[in-house]
Amino acid sequence: MVALVRVGIVAALVALLSLSLTVAASAQKAFQRGDLADAAVKLEAQIKAEAGAVTKPVAQLRREADAAFGRNDFRTGLQLLGQIATVAPEDGGN
């Protein structure tokens, strides 16, 4: 009877270990395309180059971009959005 309990505990531990290994393996990216990663880096560099030197804070840039889009001035609005992305690239709301 004790041997049966030991076998059950070992089986449960093996199942738990295999489950944790499966979860860890699935957490990795399934695929990654190098050409898309390179294109993203080039796009980011292009946006920064087109934005130029940014001297205004992000909040003011957002207000100006909203005002530009409200006037249907899409060129200015997009330039301001590029400046916002340059100043705060890690902000997902941009």
C-alpha atoms as a PDB file:
ATOM      1  CA  MET A   1       0.000   0.000   0.000  1.00  0.00           C
ATOM      2  CA  VAL A   2       2.838   2.397   0.850  1.00  0.00           C
ATOM      3  CA  ALA A   3       4.521   1.552  -2.448  1.00  0.00           C
ATOM      4  CA  LEU A   4       1.334   2.430  -4.300  1.00  0.00           C
ATOM      5  CA  VAL A   5       1.201   5.842  -2.587  1.00  0.00           C
ATOM      6  CA  ARG A   6       4.858   6.461  -3.466  1.00  0.00           C
ATOM      7  CA  VAL A   7       4.214   5.565  -7.092  1.00  0.00           C
ATOM      8  CA  GLY A   8       1.253   7.951  -7.124  1.00  0.00           C
ATOM      9  CA  ILE A   9       3.323  10.793  -5.689  1.00  0.00           C
ATOM     10  CA  VAL A  10       6.145  10.193  -8.173  1.00  0.00           C
ATOM     11  CA  ALA A  11       3.641  10.113 -11.048  1.00  0.00           C
ATOM     12  CA  ALA A  12       2.103  13.390  -9.867  1.00  0.00           C
ATOM     13  CA  LEU A  13       5.540  15.022  -9.634  1.00  0.00           C
ATOM     14  CA  VAL A  14       6.464  13.816 -13.126  1.00  0.00           C
ATOM     15  CA  ALA A  15       3.185  15.171 -14.505  1.00  0.00           C
ATOM     16  CA  LEU A  16       3.733  18.508 -12.758  1.00  0.00           C
ATOM     17  CA  LEU A  17       7.298  18.752 -14.055  1.00  0.00           C
ATOM     18  CA  SER A  18       6.270  17.965 -17.624  1.00  0.00           C
ATOM     19  CA  LEU A  19       3.471  20.536 -17.405  1.00  0.00           C
ATOM     20  CA  SER A  20       5.858  23.243 -16.224  1.00  0.00           C
ATOM     21  CA  LEU A  21       8.299  22.405 -19.036  1.00  0.00           C
ATOM     22  CA  THR A  22       5.483  22.607 -21.575  1.00  0.00           C
ATOM     23  CA  VAL A  23       4.401  26.019 -20.291  1.00  0.00           C
ATOM     24  CA  ALA A  24       7.989  27.287 -20.385  1.00  0.00           C
ATOM     25  CA  ALA A  25       8.450  26.063 -23.950  1.00  0.00           C
ATOM     26  CA  SER A  26       5.219  27.666 -25.122  1.00  0.00           C
ATOM     27  CA  ALA A  27       6.220  31.008 -23.586  1.00  0.00           C
ATOM     28  CA  GLN A  28       8.931  31.365 -26.215  1.00  0.00           C
ATOM     29  CA  LYS A  29       8.064  32.933 -29.550  1.00  0.00           C
ATOM     30  CA  ALA A  30       6.759  30.461 -32.053  1.00  0.00           C
ATOM     31  CA  PHE A  31       8.560  32.203 -34.904  1.00  0.00           C
ATOM     32  CA  GLN A  32      10.485  35.355 -35.600  1.00  0.00           C
ATOM     33  CA  ARG A  33      11.133  36.868 -39.013  1.00  0.00           C
ATOM     34  CA  GLY A  34      14.408  38.681 -39.324  1.00  0.00           C
ATOM     35  CA  ASP A  35      13.283  40.766 -42.297  1.00  0.00           C
ATOM     36  CA  LEU A  36      10.356  42.182 -40.321  1.00  0.00           C
ATOM     37  CA  ALA A  37      12.583  42.972 -37.362  1.00  0.00           C
ATOM     38  CA  ASP A  38      15.018  44.785 -39.676  1.00  0.00           C
ATOM     39  CA  ALA A  39      12.178  46.700 -41.324  1.00  0.00           C
ATOM     40  CA  ALA A  40      10.882  47.796 -37.909  1.00  0.00           C
ATOM     41  CA  VAL A  41      14.306  49.146 -36.949  1.00  0.00           C
ATOM     42  CA  LYS A  42      14.573  51.012 -40.262  1.00  0.00           C
ATOM     43  CA  LEU A  43      11.076  52.467 -39.855  1.00  0.00           C
ATOM     44  CA  GLU A  44      11.874  53.694 -36.355  1.00  0.00           C
ATOM     45  CA  ALA A  45      15.063  55.364 -37.615  1.00  0.00           C
ATOM     46  CA  GLN A  46      13.152  56.978 -40.494  1.00  0.00           C
ATOM     47  CA  ILE A  47      10.483  58.367 -38.149  1.00  0.00           C
ATOM     48  CA  LYS A  48      13.156  59.803 -35.853  1.00  0.00           C
ATOM     49  CA  ALA A  49      14.983  61.379 -38.788  1.00  0.00           C
ATOM     50  CA  GLU A  50      11.810  62.968 -40.178  1.00  0.00           C
ATOM     51  CA  ALA A  51      10.731  64.250 -36.752  1.00  0.00           C
ATOM     52  CA  GLY A  52      13.926  66.220 -36.282  1.00  0.00           C
ATOM     53  CA  ALA A  53      14.770  67.893 -32.985  1.00  0.00           C
ATOM     54  CA  VAL A  54      11.796  67.894 -30.635  1.00  0.00           C
ATOM     55  CA  THR A  55      11.700  70.733 -28.099  1.00  0.00           C
ATOM     56  CA  LYS A  56       8.111  70.490 -26.844  1.00  0.00           C
ATOM     57  CA  PRO A  57       6.743  68.178 -24.148  1.00  0.00           C
ATOM     58  CA  VAL A  58       4.559  65.228 -25.137  1.00  0.00           C
ATOM     59  CA  ALA A  59       1.369  66.717 -23.686  1.00  0.00           C
ATOM     60  CA  GLN A  60       1.721  69.855 -25.792  1.00  0.00           C
ATOM     61  CA  LEU A  61       2.477  67.809 -28.898  1.00  0.00           C
ATOM     62  CA  ARG A  62      -0.683  65.757 -28.322  1.00  0.00           C
ATOM     63  CA  ARG A  63      -2.810  68.889 -27.976  1.00  0.00           C
ATOM     64  CA  GLU A  64      -1.324  70.354 -31.148  1.00  0.00           C
ATOM     65  CA  ALA A  65      -1.846  67.082 -33.036  1.00  0.00           C
ATOM     66  CA  ASP A  66      -5.490  66.944 -31.937  1.00  0.00           C
ATOM     67  CA  ALA A  67      -5.965  70.554 -33.019  1.00  0.00           C
ATOM     68  CA  ALA A  68      -4.326  69.852 -36.398  1.00  0.00           C
ATOM     69  CA  PHE A  69      -6.576  66.869 -37.043  1.00  0.00           C
ATOM     70  CA  GLY A  70      -9.567  68.969 -35.954  1.00  0.00           C
ATOM     71  CA  ARG A  71      -8.646  71.478 -38.694  1.00  0.00           C
ATOM     72  CA  ASN A  72      -8.214  68.595 -41.179  1.00  0.00           C
ATOM     73  CA  ASP A  73      -4.506  69.455 -41.418  1.00  0.00           C
ATOM     74  CA  PHE A  74      -3.336  65.875 -41.697  1.00  0.00           C
ATOM     75  CA  ARG A  75       0.219  66.646 -42.780  1.00  0.00           C
ATOM     76  CA  THR A  76       0.940  68.659 -39.637  1.00  0.00           C
ATOM     77  CA  GLY A  77      -0.912  66.137 -37.495  1.00  0.00           C
ATOM     78  CA  LEU A  78       1.181  63.271 -38.797  1.00  0.00           C
ATOM     79  CA  GLN A  79       4.400  65.227 -38.302  1.00  0.00           C
ATOM     80  CA  LEU A  80       3.383  65.882 -34.713  1.00  0.00           C
ATOM     81  CA  LEU A  81       2.560  62.205 -34.224  1.00  0.00           C
ATOM     82  CA  GLY A  82       6.042  61.336 -35.493  1.00  0.00           C
ATOM     83  CA  GLN A  83       7.514  63.720 -32.939  1.00  0.00           C
ATOM     84  CA  ILE A  84       5.411  62.138 -30.203  1.00  0.00           C
ATOM     85  CA  ALA A  85       6.619  58.671 -31.214  1.00  0.00           C
ATOM     86  CA  THR A  86      10.191  59.962 -31.147  1.00  0.00           C
ATOM     87  CA  VAL A  87       9.882  61.485 -27.674  1.00  0.00           C
ATOM     88  CA  ALA A  88       7.985  58.589 -26.049  1.00  0.00           C
ATOM     89  CA  PRO A  89       8.444  55.404 -28.116  1.00  0.00           C
ATOM     90  CA  GLU A  90       7.575  53.089 -25.228  1.00  0.00           C
ATOM     91  CA  ASP A  91       4.141  54.634 -24.648  1.00  0.00           C
ATOM     92  CA  GLY A  92       1.564  52.354 -26.246  1.00  0.00           C
ATOM     93  CA  GLY A  93      -1.083  55.081 -26.317  1.00  0.00           C
ATOM     94  CA  ASN A  94       0.819  56.926 -28.972  1.00  0.00           C
END
